[in-house]
PDB file of all heavy atoms in Angstrom:
ATOM      1  N   VAL A   1       0.840  -1.201  -0.001  1.00  0.00           N
ATOM      2  CA  VAL A   1       0.002  -0.001   0.000  1.00  0.00           C
ATOM      3  C   VAL A   1       0.874   1.249  -0.001  1.00  0.00           C
ATOM      4  O   VAL A   1       0.590   2.217  -0.729  1.00  0.00           O
ATOM      5  CB  VAL A   1      -0.979  -0.006   1.209  1.00  0.00           C
ATOM      6  CG1 VAL A   1      -1.669   1.343   1.372  1.00  0.00           C
ATOM      7  CG2 VAL A   1      -2.025  -1.099   1.031  1.00  0.00           C
ATOM      8  N   VAL A   2       1.941   1.257   0.789  1.00  0.00           N
ATOM      9  CA  VAL A   2       2.865   2.397   0.801  1.00  0.00           C
ATOM     10  C   VAL A   2       3.466   2.613  -0.578  1.00  0.00           C
ATOM     11  O   VAL A   2       3.506   3.737  -1.093  1.00  0.00           O
ATOM     12  CB  VAL A   2       3.982   2.196   1.863  1.00  0.00           C
ATOM     13  CG1 VAL A   2       5.128   3.180   1.662  1.00  0.00           C
ATOM     14  CG2 VAL A   2       3.403   2.312   3.266  1.00  0.00           C
ATOM     15  N   ARG A   3       3.903   1.526  -1.212  1.00  0.00           N
ATOM     16  CA  ARG A   3       4.481   1.636  -2.560  1.00  0.00           C
ATOM     17  C   ARG A   3       3.449   2.152  -3.569  1.00  0.00           C
ATOM     18  O   ARG A   3       3.751   3.007  -4.396  1.00  0.00           O
ATOM     19  CB  ARG A   3       5.022   0.270  -3.005  1.00  0.00           C
ATOM     20  CG  ARG A   3       5.777   0.320  -4.330  1.00  0.00           C
ATOM     21  CD  ARG A   3       6.317  -1.021  -4.750  1.00  0.00           C
ATOM     22  NE  ARG A   3       7.067  -1.734  -3.758  1.00  0.00           N
ATOM     23  CZ  ARG A   3       8.336  -1.499  -3.415  1.00  0.00           C
ATOM     24  NH1 ARG A   3       8.986  -0.518  -4.010  1.00  0.00           N
ATOM     25  NH2 ARG A   3       8.938  -2.222  -2.514  1.00  0.00           N
ATOM     26  N   LEU A   4       2.234   1.638  -3.476  1.00  0.00           N
ATOM     27  CA  LEU A   4       1.185   2.086  -4.408  1.00  0.00           C
ATOM     28  C   LEU A   4       0.840   3.552  -4.182  1.00  0.00           C
ATOM     29  O   LEU A   4       0.641   4.304  -5.142  1.00  0.00           O
ATOM     30  CB  LEU A   4      -0.062   1.208  -4.253  1.00  0.00           C
ATOM     31  CG  LEU A   4       0.070  -0.221  -4.810  1.00  0.00           C
ATOM     32  CD1 LEU A   4      -1.073  -1.097  -4.322  1.00  0.00           C
ATOM     33  CD2 LEU A   4       0.138  -0.204  -6.327  1.00  0.00           C
ATOM     34  N   ASN A   5       0.751   3.961  -2.924  1.00  0.00           N
ATOM     35  CA  ASN A   5       0.462   5.368  -2.623  1.00  0.00           C
ATOM     36  C   ASN A   5       1.571   6.287  -3.124  1.00  0.00           C
ATOM     37  O   ASN A   5       1.300   7.382  -3.613  1.00  0.00           O
ATOM     38  CB  ASN A   5       0.262   5.582  -1.122  1.00  0.00           C
ATOM     39  CG  ASN A   5      -1.089   5.108  -0.650  1.00  0.00           C
ATOM     40  OD1 ASN A   5      -2.045   5.063  -1.402  1.00  0.00           O
ATOM     41  ND2 ASN A   5      -1.167   4.741   0.614  1.00  0.00           N
ATOM     42  N   ARG A   6       2.796   5.840  -2.985  1.00  0.00           N
ATOM     43  CA  ARG A   6       3.940   6.662  -3.365  1.00  0.00           C
ATOM     44  C   ARG A   6       4.114   6.725  -4.888  1.00  0.00           C
ATOM     45  O   ARG A   6       4.372   7.788  -5.438  1.00  0.00           O
ATOM     46  CB  ARG A   6       5.208   6.088  -2.717  1.00  0.00           C
ATOM     47  CG  ARG A   6       6.464   6.895  -2.991  1.00  0.00           C
ATOM     48  CD  ARG A   6       7.717   6.204  -2.523  1.00  0.00           C
ATOM     49  NE  ARG A   6       7.927   4.998  -3.314  1.00  0.00           N
ATOM     50  CZ  ARG A   6       8.410   3.858  -2.837  1.00  0.00           C
ATOM     51  NH1 ARG A   6       8.729   3.762  -1.562  1.00  0.00           N
ATOM     52  NH2 ARG A   6       8.582   2.830  -3.625  1.00  0.00           N
ATOM     53  N   ASP A   7       3.944   5.611  -5.559  1.00  0.00           N
ATOM     54  CA  ASP A   7       4.288   5.528  -6.987  1.00  0.00           C
ATOM     55  C   ASP A   7       3.126   5.693  -7.953  1.00  0.00           C
ATOM     56  O   ASP A   7       3.347   5.978  -9.120  1.00  0.00           O
ATOM     57  CB  ASP A   7       4.979   4.183  -7.272  1.00  0.00           C
ATOM     58  CG  ASP A   7       6.303   4.024  -6.527  1.00  0.00           C
ATOM     59  OD1 ASP A   7       6.843   5.046  -6.054  1.00  0.00           O
ATOM     60  OD2 ASP A   7       6.786   2.891  -6.420  1.00  0.00           O
ATOM     61  N   PHE A   8       1.905   5.506  -7.473  1.00  0.00           N
ATOM     62  CA  PHE A   8       0.748   5.550  -8.384  1.00  0.00           C
ATOM     63  C   PHE A   8      -0.379   6.338  -7.768  1.00  0.00           C
ATOM     64  O   PHE A   8      -0.935   5.939  -6.746  1.00  0.00           O
ATOM     65  CB  PHE A   8       0.282   4.135  -8.723  1.00  0.00           C
ATOM     66  CG  PHE A   8       1.343   3.291  -9.353  1.00  0.00           C
ATOM     67  CD1 PHE A   8       2.079   2.404  -8.604  1.00  0.00           C
ATOM     68  CD2 PHE A   8       1.637   3.429 -10.703  1.00  0.00           C
ATOM     69  CE1 PHE A   8       3.086   1.649  -9.173  1.00  0.00           C
ATOM     70  CE2 PHE A   8       2.642   2.675 -11.278  1.00  0.00           C
ATOM     71  CZ  PHE A   8       3.369   1.778 -10.509  1.00  0.00           C
ATOM     72  N   GLN A   9      -0.733   7.431  -8.395  1.00  0.00           N
ATOM     73  CA  GLN A   9      -1.843   8.253  -7.929  1.00  0.00           C
ATOM     74  C   GLN A   9      -3.052   8.000  -8.839  1.00  0.00           C
ATOM     75  O   GLN A   9      -2.911   7.717 -10.016  1.00  0.00           O
ATOM     76  CB  GLN A   9      -1.462   9.733  -7.991  1.00  0.00           C
ATOM     77  CG  GLN A   9      -0.253  10.092  -7.128  1.00  0.00           C
ATOM     78  CD  GLN A   9      -0.447   9.723  -5.666  1.00  0.00           C
ATOM     79  OE1 GLN A   9      -1.498   9.980  -5.104  1.00  0.00           O
ATOM     80  NE2 GLN A   9       0.554   9.121  -5.055  1.00  0.00           N
ATOM     81  N   VAL A  10      -4.223   8.134  -8.259  1.00  0.00           N
ATOM     82  CA  VAL A  10      -5.447   7.983  -9.046  1.00  0.00           C
ATOM     83  C   VAL A  10      -5.521   9.168 -10.015  1.00  0.00           C
ATOM     84  O   VAL A  10      -5.472  10.324  -9.596  1.00  0.00           O
ATOM     85  CB  VAL A  10      -6.701   7.972  -8.134  1.00  0.00           C
ATOM     86  CG1 VAL A  10      -7.967   7.867  -8.969  1.00  0.00           C
ATOM     87  CG2 VAL A  10      -6.628   6.851  -7.117  1.00  0.00           C
ATOM     88  N   PRO A  11      -5.601   8.847 -11.316  1.00  0.00           N
ATOM     89  CA  PRO A  11      -5.698   9.934 -12.290  1.00  0.00           C
ATOM     90  C   PRO A  11      -6.986  10.748 -12.072  1.00  0.00           C
ATOM     91  O   PRO A  11      -8.018  10.204 -11.672  1.00  0.00           O
ATOM     92  CB  PRO A  11      -5.754   9.207 -13.638  1.00  0.00           C
ATOM     93  CG  PRO A  11      -5.208   7.842 -13.371  1.00  0.00           C
ATOM     94  CD  PRO A  11      -5.525   7.541 -11.937  1.00  0.00           C
ATOM     95  N   ILE A  12      -6.887  12.035 -12.341  1.00  0.00           N
ATOM     96  CA  ILE A  12      -8.050  12.922 -12.222  1.00  0.00           C
ATOM     97  C   ILE A  12      -9.141  12.413 -13.145  1.00  0.00           C
ATOM     98  O   ILE A  12      -8.902  12.108 -14.309  1.00  0.00           O
ATOM     99  CB  ILE A  12      -7.658  14.372 -12.564  1.00  0.00           C
ATOM    100  CG1 ILE A  12      -6.617  14.858 -11.569  1.00  0.00           C
ATOM    101  CG2 ILE A  12      -8.889  15.275 -12.570  1.00  0.00           C
ATOM    102  CD1 ILE A  12      -5.991  16.189 -11.932  1.00  0.00           C
ATOM    103  N   GLY A  13     -10.336  12.321 -12.604  1.00  0.00           N
ATOM    104  CA  GLY A  13     -11.469  11.881 -13.402  1.00  0.00           C
ATOM    105  C   GLY A  13     -11.741  10.387 -13.323  1.00  0.00           C
ATOM    106  O   GLY A  13     -12.798   9.923 -13.731  1.00  0.00           O
ATOM    107  N   LEU A  14     -10.795   9.600 -12.811  1.00  0.00           N
ATOM    108  CA  LEU A  14     -11.016   8.151 -12.686  1.00  0.00           C
ATOM    109  C   LEU A  14     -11.779   7.883 -11.395  1.00  0.00           C
ATOM    110  O   LEU A  14     -11.322   8.219 -10.309  1.00  0.00           O
ATOM    111  CB  LEU A  14      -9.687   7.381 -12.673  1.00  0.00           C
ATOM    112  CG  LEU A  14      -9.826   5.862 -12.479  1.00  0.00           C
ATOM    113  CD1 LEU A  14     -10.527   5.230 -13.683  1.00  0.00           C
ATOM    114  CD2 LEU A  14      -8.465   5.226 -12.267  1.00  0.00           C
ATOM    115  N   THR A  15     -12.958   7.337 -11.541  1.00  0.00           N
ATOM    116  CA  THR A  15     -13.726   6.950 -10.363  1.00  0.00           C
ATOM    117  C   THR A  15     -13.951   5.448 -10.422  1.00  0.00           C
ATOM    118  O   THR A  15     -14.288   4.903 -11.482  1.00  0.00           O
ATOM    119  CB  THR A  15     -15.093   7.672 -10.307  1.00  0.00           C
ATOM    120  OG1 THR A  15     -15.785   7.405 -11.529  1.00  0.00           O
ATOM    121  CG2 THR A  15     -14.923   9.152 -10.112  1.00  0.00           C
ATOM    122  N   LEU A  16     -13.750   4.812  -9.314  1.00  0.00           N
ATOM    123  CA  LEU A  16     -13.961   3.373  -9.243  1.00  0.00           C
ATOM    124  C   LEU A  16     -15.355   3.101  -8.710  1.00  0.00           C
ATOM    125  O   LEU A  16     -15.824   3.783  -7.809  1.00  0.00           O
ATOM    126  CB  LEU A  16     -12.926   2.737  -8.300  1.00  0.00           C
ATOM    127  CG  LEU A  16     -11.454   2.930  -8.664  1.00  0.00           C
ATOM    128  CD1 LEU A  16     -10.558   2.306  -7.588  1.00  0.00           C
ATOM    129  CD2 LEU A  16     -11.143   2.321 -10.017  1.00  0.00           C
ATOM    130  N   SER A  17     -15.994   2.110  -9.307  1.00  0.00           N
ATOM    131  CA  SER A  17     -17.290   1.718  -8.785  1.00  0.00           C
ATOM    132  C   SER A  17     -17.060   1.127  -7.392  1.00  0.00           C
ATOM    133  O   SER A  17     -15.929   0.783  -7.032  1.00  0.00           O
ATOM    134  CB  SER A  17     -17.939   0.698  -9.719  1.00  0.00           C
ATOM    135  OG  SER A  17     -17.095  -0.428  -9.871  1.00  0.00           O
ATOM    136  N   PRO A  18     -18.111   0.983  -6.620  1.00  0.00           N
ATOM    137  CA  PRO A  18     -17.926   0.448  -5.262  1.00  0.00           C
ATOM    138  C   PRO A  18     -17.214  -0.910  -5.299  1.00  0.00           C
ATOM    139  O   PRO A  18     -17.383  -1.680  -6.244  1.00  0.00           O
ATOM    140  CB  PRO A  18     -19.361   0.279  -4.744  1.00  0.00           C
ATOM    141  CG  PRO A  18     -20.183   1.155  -5.600  1.00  0.00           C
ATOM    142  CD  PRO A  18     -19.493   1.252  -6.921  1.00  0.00           C
ATOM    143  N   PRO A  19     -16.409  -1.169  -4.272  1.00  0.00           N
ATOM    144  CA  PRO A  19     -15.689  -2.446  -4.247  1.00  0.00           C
ATOM    145  C   PRO A  19     -16.666  -3.618  -4.200  1.00  0.00           C
ATOM    146  O   PRO A  19     -17.656  -3.559  -3.476  1.00  0.00           O
ATOM    147  CB  PRO A  19     -14.857  -2.375  -2.983  1.00  0.00           C
ATOM    148  CG  PRO A  19     -15.443  -1.309  -2.152  1.00  0.00           C
ATOM    149  CD  PRO A  19     -16.174  -0.374  -3.083  1.00  0.00           C
ATOM    150  N   ALA A  20     -16.380  -4.596  -4.996  1.00  0.00           N
ATOM    151  CA  ALA A  20     -17.255  -5.767  -5.030  1.00  0.00           C
ATOM    152  C   ALA A  20     -16.486  -7.036  -4.675  1.00  0.00           C
ATOM    153  O   ALA A  20     -16.996  -8.126  -4.843  1.00  0.00           O
ATOM    154  CB  ALA A  20     -17.867  -5.906  -6.425  1.00  0.00           C
ATOM    155  N   ASP A  21     -15.271  -6.872  -4.222  1.00  0.00           N
ATOM    156  CA  ASP A  21     -14.451  -8.026  -3.898  1.00  0.00           C
ATOM    157  C   ASP A  21     -14.720  -8.455  -2.465  1.00  0.00           C
ATOM    158  O   ASP A  21     -14.703  -7.649  -1.551  1.00  0.00           O
ATOM    159  CB  ASP A  21     -12.956  -7.685  -4.063  1.00  0.00           C
ATOM    160  CG  ASP A  21     -12.626  -7.255  -5.492  1.00  0.00           C
ATOM    161  OD1 ASP A  21     -13.143  -7.881  -6.426  1.00  0.00           O
ATOM    162  OD2 ASP A  21     -11.864  -6.286  -5.644  1.00  0.00           O
ATOM    163  N   ASP A  22     -14.973  -9.745  -2.296  1.00  0.00           N
ATOM    164  CA  ASP A  22     -15.237 -10.285  -0.965  1.00  0.00           C
ATOM    165  C   ASP A  22     -13.990 -10.953  -0.415  1.00  0.00           C
ATOM    166  O   ASP A  22     -13.222 -11.549  -1.156  1.00  0.00           O
ATOM    167  CB  ASP A  22     -16.356 -11.332  -1.026  1.00  0.00           C
ATOM    168  CG  ASP A  22     -17.716 -10.721  -1.263  1.00  0.00           C
ATOM    169  OD1 ASP A  22     -17.934  -9.580  -0.812  1.00  0.00           O
ATOM    170  OD2 ASP A  22     -18.551 -11.391  -1.886  1.00  0.00           O
ATOM    171  N   LEU A  23     -13.843 -10.832   0.882  1.00  0.00           N
ATOM    172  CA  LEU A  23     -12.793 -11.552   1.578  1.00  0.00           C
ATOM    173  C   LEU A  23     -13.415 -12.839   2.096  1.00  0.00           C
ATOM    174  O   LEU A  23     -13.968 -12.858   3.194  1.00  0.00           O
ATOM    175  CB  LEU A  23     -12.240 -10.731   2.748  1.00  0.00           C
ATOM    176  CG  LEU A  23     -11.490  -9.463   2.408  1.00  0.00           C
ATOM    177  CD1 LEU A  23     -11.139  -8.696   3.672  1.00  0.00           C
ATOM    178  CD2 LEU A  23     -10.229  -9.789   1.637  1.00  0.00           C
ATOM    179  N   ASP A  24     -13.358 -13.856   1.296  1.00  0.00           N
ATOM    180  CA  ASP A  24     -13.976 -15.127   1.670  1.00  0.00           C
ATOM    181  C   ASP A  24     -12.894 -16.169   1.927  1.00  0.00           C
ATOM    182  O   ASP A  24     -12.914 -17.248   1.348  1.00  0.00           O
ATOM    183  CB  ASP A  24     -14.936 -15.578   0.574  1.00  0.00           C
ATOM    184  CG  ASP A  24     -15.757 -16.778   0.984  1.00  0.00           C
ATOM    185  OD1 ASP A  24     -15.968 -16.968   2.192  1.00  0.00           O
ATOM    186  OD2 ASP A  24     -16.169 -17.553   0.094  1.00  0.00           O
ATOM    187  N   GLY A  25     -11.917 -15.832   2.723  1.00  0.00           N
ATOM    188  CA  GLY A  25     -10.865 -16.770   3.060  1.00  0.00           C
ATOM    189  C   GLY A  25      -9.678 -16.681   2.118  1.00  0.00           C
ATOM    190  O   GLY A  25      -9.651 -15.881   1.173  1.00  0.00           O
ATOM    191  N   LEU A  26      -8.695 -17.514   2.389  1.00  0.00           N
ATOM    192  CA  LEU A  26      -7.438 -17.490   1.645  1.00  0.00           C
ATOM    193  C   LEU A  26      -7.627 -17.713   0.145  1.00  0.00           C
ATOM    194  O   LEU A  26      -6.983 -17.058  -0.663  1.00  0.00           O
ATOM    195  CB  LEU A  26      -6.480 -18.555   2.214  1.00  0.00           C
ATOM    196  CG  LEU A  26      -5.935 -18.269   3.591  1.00  0.00           C
ATOM    197  CD1 LEU A  26      -5.192 -19.492   4.132  1.00  0.00           C
ATOM    198  CD2 LEU A  26      -5.008 -17.085   3.579  1.00  0.00           C
ATOM    199  N   SER A  27      -8.501 -18.647  -0.220  1.00  0.00           N
ATOM    200  CA  SER A  27      -8.694 -18.953  -1.643  1.00  0.00           C
ATOM    201  C   SER A  27      -9.142 -17.725  -2.420  1.00  0.00           C
ATOM    202  O   SER A  27      -8.611 -17.416  -3.489  1.00  0.00           O
ATOM    203  CB  SER A  27      -9.725 -20.064  -1.827  1.00  0.00           C
ATOM    204  OG  SER A  27      -9.246 -21.249  -1.255  1.00  0.00           O
ATOM    205  N   SER A  28     -10.127 -17.000  -1.883  1.00  0.00           N
ATOM    206  CA  SER A  28     -10.622 -15.837  -2.603  1.00  0.00           C
ATOM    207  C   SER A  28      -9.599 -14.713  -2.624  1.00  0.00           C
ATOM    208  O   SER A  28      -9.468 -14.007  -3.642  1.00  0.00           O
ATOM    209  CB  SER A  28     -11.945 -15.331  -1.989  1.00  0.00           C
ATOM    210  OG  SER A  28     -11.718 -14.717  -0.739  1.00  0.00           O
ATOM    211  N   ILE A  29      -8.860 -14.549  -1.558  1.00  0.00           N
ATOM    212  CA  ILE A  29      -7.835 -13.504  -1.507  1.00  0.00           C
ATOM    213  C   ILE A  29      -6.777 -13.744  -2.564  1.00  0.00           C
ATOM    214  O   ILE A  29      -6.398 -12.840  -3.325  1.00  0.00           O
ATOM    215  CB  ILE A  29      -7.221 -13.411  -0.093  1.00  0.00           C
ATOM    216  CG1 ILE A  29      -8.279 -12.944   0.914  1.00  0.00           C
ATOM    217  CG2 ILE A  29      -6.006 -12.488  -0.086  1.00  0.00           C
ATOM    218  CD1 ILE A  29      -7.885 -13.120   2.366  1.00  0.00           C
ATOM    219  N   VAL A  30      -6.315 -14.981  -2.661  1.00  0.00           N
ATOM    220  CA  VAL A  30      -5.300 -15.340  -3.665  1.00  0.00           C
ATOM    221  C   VAL A  30      -5.851 -15.170  -5.072  1.00  0.00           C
ATOM    222  O   VAL A  30      -5.193 -14.577  -5.930  1.00  0.00           O
ATOM    223  CB  VAL A  30      -4.792 -16.788  -3.436  1.00  0.00           C
ATOM    224  CG1 VAL A  30      -3.958 -17.272  -4.604  1.00  0.00           C
ATOM    225  CG2 VAL A  30      -3.993 -16.858  -2.139  1.00  0.00           C
ATOM    226  N   THR A  31      -7.082 -15.638  -5.318  1.00  0.00           N
ATOM    227  CA  THR A  31      -7.689 -15.519  -6.645  1.00  0.00           C
ATOM    228  C   THR A  31      -7.797 -14.063  -7.078  1.00  0.00           C
ATOM    229  O   THR A  31      -7.450 -13.717  -8.214  1.00  0.00           O
ATOM    230  CB  THR A  31      -9.087 -16.183  -6.658  1.00  0.00           C
ATOM    231  OG1 THR A  31      -8.941 -17.573  -6.337  1.00  0.00           O
ATOM    232  CG2 THR A  31      -9.768 -16.025  -8.003  1.00  0.00           C
ATOM    233  N   ILE A  32      -8.252 -13.210  -6.185  1.00  0.00           N
ATOM    234  CA  ILE A  32      -8.451 -11.797  -6.527  1.00  0.00           C
ATOM    235  C   ILE A  32      -7.111 -11.103  -6.792  1.00  0.00           C
ATOM    236  O   ILE A  32      -6.941 -10.411  -7.788  1.00  0.00           O
ATOM    237  CB  ILE A  32      -9.257 -11.088  -5.417  1.00  0.00           C
ATOM    238  CG1 ILE A  32     -10.695 -11.581  -5.442  1.00  0.00           C
ATOM    239  CG2 ILE A  32      -9.194  -9.575  -5.569  1.00  0.00           C
ATOM    240  CD1 ILE A  32     -11.516 -11.228  -4.225  1.00  0.00           C
TER     241      ILE A  32
END
């Protein structure tokens, strides 16, 4: 997260739809 915050900023005008990723255990985390 620190690396992403430092090296990549959200471009102006880019909006992300609400997060739809579920944390359903290790399998889902790895898949995502």
